[in-house]
Amino acid sequence: MKISQEVREYAKDYQSNENIEVKLIDDPLEGMRQKSQEFRATGAELYHPAVTEE
């Protein structure tokens, strides 16, 4: 596949001594807390009836 070849070429050209810094925009634990609250607020049910627009 073309994309796989492109990734291989990029990796080959990439200098291993370069540092890549990844910064999270949001705190993942805070996001999970918010989703937990949303889940409980909607009844803590896994399956909800479908909403149809008429």
PDB file of N, CA and C in Angstrom:
ATOM      1  N   MET A   1       0.839  -1.179   0.000  1.00  0.00           N
ATOM      2  CA  MET A   1       0.000   0.000   0.000  1.00  0.00           C
ATOM      3  C   MET A   1       0.885   1.244   0.000  1.00  0.00           C
ATOM      4  N   LYS A   2       0.393   2.262  -0.661  1.00  0.00           N
ATOM      5  CA  LYS A   2       1.183   3.478  -0.804  1.00  0.00           C
ATOM      6  C   LYS A   2       1.439   4.152   0.537  1.00  0.00           C
ATOM      7  N   ILE A   3       0.426   4.219   1.374  1.00  0.00           N
ATOM      8  CA  ILE A   3       0.617   4.911   2.653  1.00  0.00           C
ATOM      9  C   ILE A   3       1.631   4.179   3.527  1.00  0.00           C
ATOM     10  N   SER A   4       1.624   2.849   3.481  1.00  0.00           N
ATOM     11  CA  SER A   4       2.602   2.081   4.254  1.00  0.00           C
ATOM     12  C   SER A   4       4.011   2.393   3.778  1.00  0.00           C
ATOM     13  N   GLN A   5       4.184   2.499   2.472  1.00  0.00           N
ATOM     14  CA  GLN A   5       5.495   2.830   1.920  1.00  0.00           C
ATOM     15  C   GLN A   5       5.919   4.231   2.349  1.00  0.00           C
ATOM     16  N   GLU A   6       4.979   5.159   2.343  1.00  0.00           N
ATOM     17  CA  GLU A   6       5.295   6.524   2.768  1.00  0.00           C
ATOM     18  C   GLU A   6       5.703   6.562   4.234  1.00  0.00           C
ATOM     19  N   VAL A   7       5.038   5.779   5.057  1.00  0.00           N
ATOM     20  CA  VAL A   7       5.388   5.721   6.481  1.00  0.00           C
ATOM     21  C   VAL A   7       6.777   5.125   6.650  1.00  0.00           C
ATOM     22  N   ARG A   8       7.076   4.080   5.907  1.00  0.00           N
ATOM     23  CA  ARG A   8       8.415   3.478   5.976  1.00  0.00           C
ATOM     24  C   ARG A   8       9.490   4.484   5.572  1.00  0.00           C
ATOM     25  N   GLU A   9       9.242   5.225   4.503  1.00  0.00           N
ATOM     26  CA  GLU A   9      10.219   6.215   4.047  1.00  0.00           C
ATOM     27  C   GLU A   9      10.394   7.317   5.086  1.00  0.00           C
ATOM     28  N   TYR A  10       9.299   7.754   5.680  1.00  0.00           N
ATOM     29  CA  TYR A  10       9.377   8.783   6.717  1.00  0.00           C
ATOM     30  C   TYR A  10      10.190   8.271   7.903  1.00  0.00           C
ATOM     31  N   ALA A  11       9.908   7.044   8.320  1.00  0.00           N
ATOM     32  CA  ALA A  11      10.610   6.468   9.471  1.00  0.00           C
ATOM     33  C   ALA A  11      12.093   6.311   9.174  1.00  0.00           C
ATOM     34  N   LYS A  12      12.419   5.964   7.951  1.00  0.00           N
ATOM     35  CA  LYS A  12      13.820   5.787   7.572  1.00  0.00           C
ATOM     36  C   LYS A  12      14.551   7.125   7.627  1.00  0.00           C
ATOM     37  N   ASP A  13      13.889   8.185   7.182  1.00  0.00           N
ATOM     38  CA  ASP A  13      14.508   9.508   7.149  1.00  0.00           C
ATOM     39  C   ASP A  13      14.496  10.204   8.509  1.00  0.00           C
ATOM     40  N   TYR A  14      13.667   9.729   9.410  1.00  0.00           N
ATOM     41  CA  TYR A  14      13.507  10.357  10.720  1.00  0.00           C
ATOM     42  C   TYR A  14      14.746  10.128  11.569  1.00  0.00           C
ATOM     43  N   GLN A  15      15.216  11.155  12.200  1.00  0.00           N
ATOM     44  CA  GLN A  15      16.372  11.035  13.088  1.00  0.00           C
ATOM     45  C   GLN A  15      15.909  10.552  14.456  1.00  0.00           C
ATOM     46  N   SER A  16      16.463   9.456  14.920  1.00  0.00           N
ATOM     47  CA  SER A  16      16.011   8.871  16.184  1.00  0.00           C
ATOM     48  C   SER A  16      16.361   9.730  17.393  1.00  0.00           C
ATOM     49  N   ASN A  17      17.281  10.666  17.245  1.00  0.00           N
ATOM     50  CA  ASN A  17      17.643  11.491  18.397  1.00  0.00           C
ATOM     51  C   ASN A  17      16.740  12.715  18.539  1.00  0.00           C
ATOM     52  N   GLU A  18      15.797  12.898  17.624  1.00  0.00           N
ATOM     53  CA  GLU A  18      14.849  13.999  17.747  1.00  0.00           C
ATOM     54  C   GLU A  18      13.789  13.627  18.779  1.00  0.00           C
ATOM     55  N   ASN A  19      13.434  14.582  19.591  1.00  0.00           N
ATOM     56  CA  ASN A  19      12.401  14.346  20.599  1.00  0.00           C
ATOM     57  C   ASN A  19      11.068  14.862  20.084  1.00  0.00           C
ATOM     58  N   ILE A  20      10.056  14.085  20.285  1.00  0.00           N
ATOM     59  CA  ILE A  20       8.706  14.502  19.935  1.00  0.00           C
ATOM     60  C   ILE A  20       7.949  14.706  21.234  1.00  0.00           C
ATOM     61  N   GLU A  21       7.396  15.879  21.393  1.00  0.00           N
ATOM     62  CA  GLU A  21       6.650  16.175  22.609  1.00  0.00           C
ATOM     63  C   GLU A  21       5.168  16.174  22.285  1.00  0.00           C
ATOM     64  N   VAL A  22       4.421  15.431  23.068  1.00  0.00           N
ATOM     65  CA  VAL A  22       2.981  15.352  22.883  1.00  0.00           C
ATOM     66  C   VAL A  22       2.326  16.025  24.079  1.00  0.00           C
ATOM     67  N   LYS A  23       1.486  16.989  23.790  1.00  0.00           N
ATOM     68  CA  LYS A  23       0.771  17.680  24.861  1.00  0.00           C
ATOM     69  C   LYS A  23      -0.710  17.396  24.704  1.00  0.00           C
ATOM     70  N   LEU A  24      -1.321  17.002  25.788  1.00  0.00           N
ATOM     71  CA  LEU A  24      -2.757  16.775  25.781  1.00  0.00           C
ATOM     72  C   LEU A  24      -3.466  18.103  25.976  1.00  0.00           C
ATOM     73  N   ILE A  25      -4.465  18.339  25.158  1.00  0.00           N
ATOM     74  CA  ILE A  25      -5.223  19.581  25.278  1.00  0.00           C
ATOM     75  C   ILE A  25      -6.125  19.517  26.501  1.00  0.00           C
ATOM     76  N   ASP A  26      -6.737  18.366  26.714  1.00  0.00           N
ATOM     77  CA  ASP A  26      -7.642  18.186  27.844  1.00  0.00           C
ATOM     78  C   ASP A  26      -7.114  17.069  28.736  1.00  0.00           C
ATOM     79  N   ASP A  27      -7.467  17.149  30.000  1.00  0.00           N
ATOM     80  CA  ASP A  27      -7.109  16.104  30.945  1.00  0.00           C
ATOM     81  C   ASP A  27      -8.012  14.898  30.693  1.00  0.00           C
ATOM     82  N   PRO A  28      -7.444  13.740  30.342  1.00  0.00           N
ATOM     83  CA  PRO A  28      -8.285  12.577  30.045  1.00  0.00           C
ATOM     84  C   PRO A  28      -9.146  12.145  31.226  1.00  0.00           C
ATOM     85  N   LEU A  29      -8.640  12.263  32.435  1.00  0.00           N
ATOM     86  CA  LEU A  29      -9.428  11.860  33.604  1.00  0.00           C
ATOM     87  C   LEU A  29     -10.621  12.790  33.802  1.00  0.00           C
ATOM     88  N   GLU A  30     -10.429  14.070  33.534  1.00  0.00           N
ATOM     89  CA  GLU A  30     -11.543  15.013  33.649  1.00  0.00           C
ATOM     90  C   GLU A  30     -12.593  14.701  32.590  1.00  0.00           C
ATOM     91  N   GLY A  31     -12.163  14.348  31.397  1.00  0.00           N
ATOM     92  CA  GLY A  31     -13.100  13.962  30.347  1.00  0.00           C
ATOM     93  C   GLY A  31     -13.907  12.739  30.733  1.00  0.00           C
ATOM     94  N   MET A  32     -13.261  11.760  31.367  1.00  0.00           N
ATOM     95  CA  MET A  32     -13.969  10.557  31.815  1.00  0.00           C
ATOM     96  C   MET A  32     -14.968  10.903  32.916  1.00  0.00           C
ATOM     97  N   ARG A  33     -14.588  11.811  33.813  1.00  0.00           N
ATOM     98  CA  ARG A  33     -15.520  12.237  34.869  1.00  0.00           C
ATOM     99  C   ARG A  33     -16.759  12.890  34.257  1.00  0.00           C
ATOM    100  N   GLN A  34     -16.544  13.738  33.274  1.00  0.00           N
ATOM    101  CA  GLN A  34     -17.677  14.405  32.630  1.00  0.00           C
ATOM    102  C   GLN A  34     -18.577  13.400  31.924  1.00  0.00           C
ATOM    103  N   LYS A  35     -17.988  12.438  31.220  1.00  0.00           N
ATOM    104  CA  LYS A  35     -18.790  11.426  30.529  1.00  0.00           C
ATOM    105  C   LYS A  35     -19.533  10.549  31.533  1.00  0.00           C
ATOM    106  N   SER A  36     -18.922  10.260  32.683  1.00  0.00           N
ATOM    107  CA  SER A  36     -19.594   9.476  33.719  1.00  0.00           C
ATOM    108  C   SER A  36     -20.811  10.219  34.245  1.00  0.00           C
ATOM    109  N   GLN A  37     -20.663  11.514  34.467  1.00  0.00           N
ATOM    110  CA  GLN A  37     -21.794  12.317  34.936  1.00  0.00           C
ATOM    111  C   GLN A  37     -22.896  12.356  33.883  1.00  0.00           C
ATOM    112  N   GLU A  38     -22.517  12.512  32.622  1.00  0.00           N
ATOM    113  CA  GLU A  38     -23.501  12.530  31.534  1.00  0.00           C
ATOM    114  C   GLU A  38     -24.238  11.192  31.454  1.00  0.00           C
ATOM    115  N   PHE A  39     -23.510  10.096  31.614  1.00  0.00           N
ATOM    116  CA  PHE A  39     -24.094   8.759  31.573  1.00  0.00           C
ATOM    117  C   PHE A  39     -25.122   8.589  32.689  1.00  0.00           C
ATOM    118  N   ARG A  40     -24.755   9.009  33.909  1.00  0.00           N
ATOM    119  CA  ARG A  40     -25.684   8.896  35.033  1.00  0.00           C
ATOM    120  C   ARG A  40     -26.892   9.807  34.847  1.00  0.00           C
ATOM    121  N   ALA A  41     -26.676  10.997  34.296  1.00  0.00           N
ATOM    122  CA  ALA A  41     -27.769  11.958  34.103  1.00  0.00           C
ATOM    123  C   ALA A  41     -28.786  11.471  33.076  1.00  0.00           C
ATOM    124  N   THR A  42     -28.360  10.626  32.148  1.00  0.00           N
ATOM    125  CA  THR A  42     -29.288  10.118  31.128  1.00  0.00           C
ATOM    126  C   THR A  42     -29.886   8.778  31.523  1.00  0.00           C
ATOM    127  N   GLY A  43     -29.728   8.384  32.792  1.00  0.00           N
ATOM    128  CA  GLY A  43     -30.376   7.178  33.275  1.00  0.00           C
ATOM    129  C   GLY A  43     -29.479   5.974  33.419  1.00  0.00           C
ATOM    130  N   ALA A  44     -28.213   6.107  33.135  1.00  0.00           N
ATOM    131  CA  ALA A  44     -27.236   5.025  33.275  1.00  0.00           C
ATOM    132  C   ALA A  44     -27.658   3.759  32.533  1.00  0.00           C
ATOM    133  N   GLU A  45     -28.287   3.946  31.398  1.00  0.00           N
ATOM    134  CA  GLU A  45     -28.699   2.812  30.566  1.00  0.00           C
ATOM    135  C   GLU A  45     -27.789   2.734  29.347  1.00  0.00           C
ATOM    136  N   LEU A  46     -27.424   1.513  28.980  1.00  0.00           N
ATOM    137  CA  LEU A  46     -26.586   1.348  27.795  1.00  0.00           C
ATOM    138  C   LEU A  46     -27.367   1.554  26.511  1.00  0.00           C
ATOM    139  N   TYR A  47     -28.614   1.148  26.524  1.00  0.00           N
ATOM    140  CA  TYR A  47     -29.436   1.244  25.320  1.00  0.00           C
ATOM    141  C   TYR A  47     -30.605   2.183  25.575  1.00  0.00           C
ATOM    142  N   HIS A  48     -30.760   3.147  24.704  1.00  0.00           N
ATOM    143  CA  HIS A  48     -31.858   4.101  24.780  1.00  0.00           C
ATOM    144  C   HIS A  48     -32.734   3.920  23.550  1.00  0.00           C
ATOM    145  N   PRO A  49     -34.017   4.193  23.670  1.00  0.00           N
ATOM    146  CA  PRO A  49     -34.881   4.076  22.489  1.00  0.00           C
ATOM    147  C   PRO A  49     -34.458   5.081  21.415  1.00  0.00           C
ATOM    148  N   ALA A  50     -34.657   4.691  20.185  1.00  0.00           N
ATOM    149  CA  ALA A  50     -34.311   5.571  19.069  1.00  0.00           C
ATOM    150  C   ALA A  50     -35.225   6.785  19.064  1.00  0.00           C
ATOM    151  N   VAL A  51     -34.663   7.911  18.758  1.00  0.00           N
ATOM    152  CA  VAL A  51     -35.429   9.146  18.668  1.00  0.00           C
ATOM    153  C   VAL A  51     -35.706   9.395  17.197  1.00  0.00           C
ATOM    154  N   THR A  52     -36.981   9.495  16.858  1.00  0.00           N
ATOM    155  CA  THR A  52     -37.344   9.745  15.464  1.00  0.00           C
ATOM    156  C   THR A  52     -37.845  11.165  15.320  1.00  0.00           C
ATOM    157  N   GLU A  53     -37.479  11.770  14.227  1.00  0.00           N
ATOM    158  CA  GLU A  53     -37.948  13.121  13.939  1.00  0.00           C
ATOM    159  C   GLU A  53     -39.120  13.018  12.990  1.00  0.00           C
ATOM    160  N   GLU A  54     -40.204  13.624  13.378  1.00  0.00           N
ATOM    161  CA  GLU A  54     -41.404  13.573  12.535  1.00  0.00           C
ATOM    162  C   GLU A  54     -41.725  14.911  11.955  1.00  0.00           C
TER     163      GLU A  54
END
